[in-house]
Amino acid sequence: GAVDKPIAALIADLKQRGMLEDTLV
């Protein structure tokens, strides 16, 4: 419960900014 929302937000935010493609999580 402490990490679920922040991690999902990080993935979605990177993707929305066009950064997920060249950022390895």
PDB file of all heavy atoms in Angstrom:
ATOM      1  N   GLY A   1       0.801  -1.218   0.000  1.00  0.00           N
ATOM      2  CA  GLY A   1       0.000   0.000   0.000  1.00  0.00           C
ATOM      3  C   GLY A   1       0.831   1.263   0.000  1.00  0.00           C
ATOM      4  O   GLY A   1       0.394   2.303  -0.509  1.00  0.00           O
ATOM      5  N   ALA A   2       2.044   1.205   0.554  1.00  0.00           N
ATOM      6  CA  ALA A   2       2.902   2.392   0.631  1.00  0.00           C
ATOM      7  C   ALA A   2       3.620   2.692  -0.680  1.00  0.00           C
ATOM      8  O   ALA A   2       4.009   3.843  -0.918  1.00  0.00           O
ATOM      9  CB  ALA A   2       3.925   2.214   1.754  1.00  0.00           C
ATOM     10  N   VAL A   3       3.813   1.688  -1.527  1.00  0.00           N
ATOM     11  CA  VAL A   3       4.606   1.902  -2.752  1.00  0.00           C
ATOM     12  C   VAL A   3       3.789   1.761  -4.031  1.00  0.00           C
ATOM     13  O   VAL A   3       4.243   2.190  -5.103  1.00  0.00           O
ATOM     14  CB  VAL A   3       5.813   0.939  -2.808  1.00  0.00           C
ATOM     15  CG1 VAL A   3       6.708   1.107  -1.582  1.00  0.00           C
ATOM     16  CG2 VAL A   3       5.386  -0.519  -2.964  1.00  0.00           C
ATOM     17  N   ASP A   4       2.618   1.170  -3.967  1.00  0.00           N
ATOM     18  CA  ASP A   4       1.823   0.871  -5.167  1.00  0.00           C
ATOM     19  C   ASP A   4       1.505   2.121  -5.978  1.00  0.00           C
ATOM     20  O   ASP A   4       1.829   2.214  -7.170  1.00  0.00           O
ATOM     21  CB  ASP A   4       0.537   0.153  -4.747  1.00  0.00           C
ATOM     22  CG  ASP A   4      -0.453   0.000  -5.884  1.00  0.00           C
ATOM     23  OD1 ASP A   4      -0.015  -0.372  -6.986  1.00  0.00           O
ATOM     24  OD2 ASP A   4      -1.659   0.248  -5.666  1.00  0.00           O
ATOM     25  N   LYS A   5       0.878   3.084  -5.364  1.00  0.00           N
ATOM     26  CA  LYS A   5       0.478   4.289  -6.091  1.00  0.00           C
ATOM     27  C   LYS A   5       1.675   5.091  -6.603  1.00  0.00           C
ATOM     28  O   LYS A   5       1.687   5.502  -7.779  1.00  0.00           O
ATOM     29  CB  LYS A   5      -0.414   5.168  -5.198  1.00  0.00           C
ATOM     30  CG  LYS A   5      -1.015   6.358  -5.929  1.00  0.00           C
ATOM     31  CD  LYS A   5      -2.039   7.083  -5.066  1.00  0.00           C
ATOM     32  CE  LYS A   5      -2.709   8.188  -5.863  1.00  0.00           C
ATOM     33  NZ  LYS A   5      -3.795   8.859  -5.073  1.00  0.00           N
ATOM     34  N   PRO A   6       2.707   5.327  -5.788  1.00  0.00           N
ATOM     35  CA  PRO A   6       3.869   6.069  -6.294  1.00  0.00           C
ATOM     36  C   PRO A   6       4.566   5.394  -7.475  1.00  0.00           C
ATOM     37  O   PRO A   6       4.945   6.066  -8.441  1.00  0.00           O
ATOM     38  CB  PRO A   6       4.793   6.132  -5.069  1.00  0.00           C
ATOM     39  CG  PRO A   6       3.883   6.045  -3.897  1.00  0.00           C
ATOM     40  CD  PRO A   6       2.795   5.110  -4.322  1.00  0.00           C
ATOM     41  N   ILE A   7       4.721   4.066  -7.430  1.00  0.00           N
ATOM     42  CA  ILE A   7       5.408   3.377  -8.520  1.00  0.00           C
ATOM     43  C   ILE A   7       4.585   3.446  -9.798  1.00  0.00           C
ATOM     44  O   ILE A   7       5.119   3.708 -10.892  1.00  0.00           O
ATOM     45  CB  ILE A   7       5.716   1.917  -8.140  1.00  0.00           C
ATOM     46  CG1 ILE A   7       6.746   1.866  -7.007  1.00  0.00           C
ATOM     47  CG2 ILE A   7       6.241   1.150  -9.347  1.00  0.00           C
ATOM     48  CD1 ILE A   7       7.024   0.456  -6.490  1.00  0.00           C
ATOM     49  N   ALA A   8       3.286   3.209  -9.694  1.00  0.00           N
ATOM     50  CA  ALA A   8       2.421   3.295 -10.871  1.00  0.00           C
ATOM     51  C   ALA A   8       2.450   4.705 -11.462  1.00  0.00           C
ATOM     52  O   ALA A   8       2.474   4.880 -12.690  1.00  0.00           O
ATOM     53  CB  ALA A   8       0.995   2.898 -10.499  1.00  0.00           C
ATOM     54  N   ALA A   9       2.474   5.714 -10.584  1.00  0.00           N
ATOM     55  CA  ALA A   9       2.538   7.100 -11.054  1.00  0.00           C
ATOM     56  C   ALA A   9       3.852   7.364 -11.774  1.00  0.00           C
ATOM     57  O   ALA A   9       3.881   8.065 -12.797  1.00  0.00           O
ATOM     58  CB  ALA A   9       2.377   8.049  -9.871  1.00  0.00           C
ATOM     59  N   LEU A  10       4.941   6.829 -11.253  1.00  0.00           N
ATOM     60  CA  LEU A  10       6.245   7.019 -11.882  1.00  0.00           C
ATOM     61  C   LEU A  10       6.251   6.445 -13.301  1.00  0.00           C
ATOM     62  O   LEU A  10       6.697   7.101 -14.251  1.00  0.00           O
ATOM     63  CB  LEU A  10       7.331   6.351 -11.038  1.00  0.00           C
ATOM     64  CG  LEU A  10       8.736   6.315 -11.644  1.00  0.00           C
ATOM     65  CD1 LEU A  10       9.284   7.722 -11.835  1.00  0.00           C
ATOM     66  CD2 LEU A  10       9.675   5.482 -10.776  1.00  0.00           C
ATOM     67  N   ILE A  11       5.756   5.211 -13.459  1.00  0.00           N
ATOM     68  CA  ILE A  11       5.723   4.580 -14.775  1.00  0.00           C
ATOM     69  C   ILE A  11       4.861   5.401 -15.735  1.00  0.00           C
ATOM     70  O   ILE A  11       5.264   5.699 -16.876  1.00  0.00           O
ATOM     71  CB  ILE A  11       5.178   3.137 -14.681  1.00  0.00           C
ATOM     72  CG1 ILE A  11       6.025   2.285 -13.728  1.00  0.00           C
ATOM     73  CG2 ILE A  11       5.109   2.506 -16.066  1.00  0.00           C
ATOM     74  CD1 ILE A  11       7.428   2.048 -14.158  1.00  0.00           C
ATOM     75  N   ALA A  12       3.664   5.780 -15.280  1.00  0.00           N
ATOM     76  CA  ALA A  12       2.754   6.541 -16.137  1.00  0.00           C
ATOM     77  C   ALA A  12       3.325   7.907 -16.490  1.00  0.00           C
ATOM     78  O   ALA A  12       3.181   8.382 -17.628  1.00  0.00           O
ATOM     79  CB  ALA A  12       1.400   6.690 -15.433  1.00  0.00           C
ATOM     80  N   ASP A  13       3.973   8.563 -15.529  1.00  0.00           N
ATOM     81  CA  ASP A  13       4.543   9.891 -15.750  1.00  0.00           C
ATOM     82  C   ASP A  13       5.682   9.836 -16.759  1.00  0.00           C
ATOM     83  O   ASP A  13       5.772  10.665 -17.673  1.00  0.00           O
ATOM     84  CB  ASP A  13       5.031  10.453 -14.413  1.00  0.00           C
ATOM     85  CG  ASP A  13       5.212  11.969 -14.435  1.00  0.00           C
ATOM     86  OD1 ASP A  13       4.907  12.592 -15.471  1.00  0.00           O
ATOM     87  OD2 ASP A  13       5.666  12.529 -13.423  1.00  0.00           O
ATOM     88  N   LEU A  14       6.569   8.858 -16.607  1.00  0.00           N
ATOM     89  CA  LEU A  14       7.669   8.698 -17.567  1.00  0.00           C
ATOM     90  C   LEU A  14       7.116   8.454 -18.969  1.00  0.00           C
ATOM     91  O   LEU A  14       7.616   9.012 -19.955  1.00  0.00           O
ATOM     92  CB  LEU A  14       8.568   7.538 -17.145  1.00  0.00           C
ATOM     93  CG  LEU A  14       9.452   7.749 -15.916  1.00  0.00           C
ATOM     94  CD1 LEU A  14      10.099   6.432 -15.494  1.00  0.00           C
ATOM     95  CD2 LEU A  14      10.542   8.795 -16.186  1.00  0.00           C
ATOM     96  N   LYS A  15       6.086   7.630 -19.053  1.00  0.00           N
ATOM     97  CA  LYS A  15       5.502   7.309 -20.359  1.00  0.00           C
ATOM     98  C   LYS A  15       4.846   8.536 -20.976  1.00  0.00           C
ATOM     99  O   LYS A  15       5.016   8.818 -22.178  1.00  0.00           O
ATOM    100  CB  LYS A  15       4.485   6.177 -20.189  1.00  0.00           C
ATOM    101  CG  LYS A  15       3.980   5.612 -21.508  1.00  0.00           C
ATOM    102  CD  LYS A  15       3.111   4.382 -21.260  1.00  0.00           C
ATOM    103  CE  LYS A  15       2.657   3.753 -22.578  1.00  0.00           C
ATOM    104  NZ  LYS A  15       1.841   2.534 -22.354  1.00  0.00           N
ATOM    105  N   GLN A  16       4.110   9.297 -20.172  1.00  0.00           N
ATOM    106  CA  GLN A  16       3.429  10.478 -20.676  1.00  0.00           C
ATOM    107  C   GLN A  16       4.419  11.524 -21.184  1.00  0.00           C
ATOM    108  O   GLN A  16       4.149  12.257 -22.151  1.00  0.00           O
ATOM    109  CB  GLN A  16       2.542  11.064 -19.556  1.00  0.00           C
ATOM    110  CG  GLN A  16       1.671  12.236 -19.973  1.00  0.00           C
ATOM    111  CD  GLN A  16       2.361  13.574 -19.788  1.00  0.00           C
ATOM    112  OE1 GLN A  16       3.188  13.739 -18.892  1.00  0.00           O
ATOM    113  NE2 GLN A  16       2.018  14.537 -20.642  1.00  0.00           N
ATOM    114  N   ARG A  17       5.595  11.594 -20.583  1.00  0.00           N
ATOM    115  CA  ARG A  17       6.627  12.554 -20.974  1.00  0.00           C
ATOM    116  C   ARG A  17       7.530  12.032 -22.083  1.00  0.00           C
ATOM    117  O   ARG A  17       8.497  12.707 -22.466  1.00  0.00           O
ATOM    118  CB  ARG A  17       7.479  12.931 -19.753  1.00  0.00           C
ATOM    119  CG  ARG A  17       6.724  13.726 -18.714  1.00  0.00           C
ATOM    120  CD  ARG A  17       7.479  13.870 -17.402  1.00  0.00           C
ATOM    121  NE  ARG A  17       6.702  14.629 -16.450  1.00  0.00           N
ATOM    122  CZ  ARG A  17       6.763  15.957 -16.315  1.00  0.00           C
ATOM    123  NH1 ARG A  17       7.579  16.658 -17.082  1.00  0.00           N
ATOM    124  NH2 ARG A  17       6.006  16.577 -15.431  1.00  0.00           N
ATOM    125  N   GLY A  18       7.274  10.824 -22.567  1.00  0.00           N
ATOM    126  CA  GLY A  18       8.099  10.259 -23.619  1.00  0.00           C
ATOM    127  C   GLY A  18       9.458   9.792 -23.141  1.00  0.00           C
ATOM    128  O   GLY A  18      10.385   9.627 -23.943  1.00  0.00           O
ATOM    129  N   MET A  19       9.581   9.542 -21.831  1.00  0.00           N
ATOM    130  CA  MET A  19      10.872   9.155 -21.249  1.00  0.00           C
ATOM    131  C   MET A  19      10.987   7.669 -20.935  1.00  0.00           C
ATOM    132  O   MET A  19      12.089   7.173 -20.720  1.00  0.00           O
ATOM    133  CB  MET A  19      11.127   9.947 -19.959  1.00  0.00           C
ATOM    134  CG  MET A  19      11.291  11.438 -20.153  1.00  0.00           C
ATOM    135  SD  MET A  19      11.450  12.287 -18.553  1.00  0.00           S
ATOM    136  CE  MET A  19      12.973  11.572 -17.915  1.00  0.00           C
ATOM    137  N   LEU A  20       9.860   6.960 -20.897  1.00  0.00           N
ATOM    138  CA  LEU A  20       9.923   5.554 -20.485  1.00  0.00           C
ATOM    139  C   LEU A  20      10.709   4.722 -21.485  1.00  0.00           C
ATOM    140  O   LEU A  20      11.411   3.785 -21.104  1.00  0.00           O
ATOM    141  CB  LEU A  20       8.510   4.988 -20.314  1.00  0.00           C
ATOM    142  CG  LEU A  20       8.431   3.559 -19.773  1.00  0.00           C
ATOM    143  CD1 LEU A  20       9.076   3.451 -18.395  1.00  0.00           C
ATOM    144  CD2 LEU A  20       6.982   3.070 -19.721  1.00  0.00           C
ATOM    145  N   GLU A  21      10.604   5.053 -22.743  1.00  0.00           N
ATOM    146  CA  GLU A  21      11.271   4.273 -23.787  1.00  0.00           C
ATOM    147  C   GLU A  21      12.772   4.168 -23.559  1.00  0.00           C
ATOM    148  O   GLU A  21      13.379   3.125 -23.802  1.00  0.00           O
ATOM    149  CB  GLU A  21      10.992   4.900 -25.157  1.00  0.00           C
ATOM    150  CG  GLU A  21      11.586   4.112 -26.312  1.00  0.00           C
ATOM    151  CD  GLU A  21      11.243   4.717 -27.659  1.00  0.00           C
ATOM    152  OE1 GLU A  21      10.301   5.538 -27.734  1.00  0.00           O
ATOM    153  OE2 GLU A  21      11.920   4.379 -28.645  1.00  0.00           O
ATOM    154  N   ASP A  22      13.405   5.259 -23.062  1.00  0.00           N
ATOM    155  CA  ASP A  22      14.853   5.210 -22.853  1.00  0.00           C
ATOM    156  C   ASP A  22      15.241   5.374 -21.379  1.00  0.00           C
ATOM    157  O   ASP A  22      16.354   5.767 -21.055  1.00  0.00           O
ATOM    158  CB  ASP A  22      15.577   6.247 -23.714  1.00  0.00           C
ATOM    159  CG  ASP A  22      15.074   7.665 -23.508  1.00  0.00           C
ATOM    160  OD1 ASP A  22      14.277   7.896 -22.579  1.00  0.00           O
ATOM    161  OD2 ASP A  22      15.471   8.561 -24.280  1.00  0.00           O
ATOM    162  N   THR A  23      14.294   5.069 -20.482  1.00  0.00           N
ATOM    163  CA  THR A  23      14.592   5.001 -19.049  1.00  0.00           C
ATOM    164  C   THR A  23      14.322   3.582 -18.573  1.00  0.00           C
ATOM    165  O   THR A  23      13.213   3.075 -18.723  1.00  0.00           O
ATOM    166  CB  THR A  23      13.712   5.977 -18.236  1.00  0.00           C
ATOM    167  OG1 THR A  23      13.917   7.307 -18.697  1.00  0.00           O
ATOM    168  CG2 THR A  23      14.056   5.905 -16.755  1.00  0.00           C
ATOM    169  N   LEU A  24      15.318   2.929 -18.027  1.00  0.00           N
ATOM    170  CA  LEU A  24      15.167   1.569 -17.513  1.00  0.00           C
ATOM    171  C   LEU A  24      14.752   1.641 -16.044  1.00  0.00           C
ATOM    172  O   LEU A  24      15.467   2.205 -15.219  1.00  0.00           O
ATOM    173  CB  LEU A  24      16.480   0.801 -17.648  1.00  0.00           C
ATOM    174  CG  LEU A  24      16.502  -0.628 -17.083  1.00  0.00           C
ATOM    175  CD1 LEU A  24      15.497  -1.506 -17.810  1.00  0.00           C
ATOM    176  CD2 LEU A  24      17.903  -1.213 -17.169  1.00  0.00           C
ATOM    177  N   VAL A  25      13.594   1.086 -15.717  1.00  0.00           N
ATOM    178  CA  VAL A  25      13.110   1.015 -14.338  1.00  0.00           C
ATOM    179  C   VAL A  25      13.239  -0.435 -13.871  1.00  0.00           C
ATOM    180  O   VAL A  25      12.815  -1.355 -14.580  1.00  0.00           O
ATOM    181  CB  VAL A  25      11.652   1.494 -14.219  1.00  0.00           C
ATOM    182  CG1 VAL A  25      11.191   1.444 -12.760  1.00  0.00           C
ATOM    183  CG2 VAL A  25      11.503   2.912 -14.779  1.00  0.00           C
TER     184      VAL A  25
END
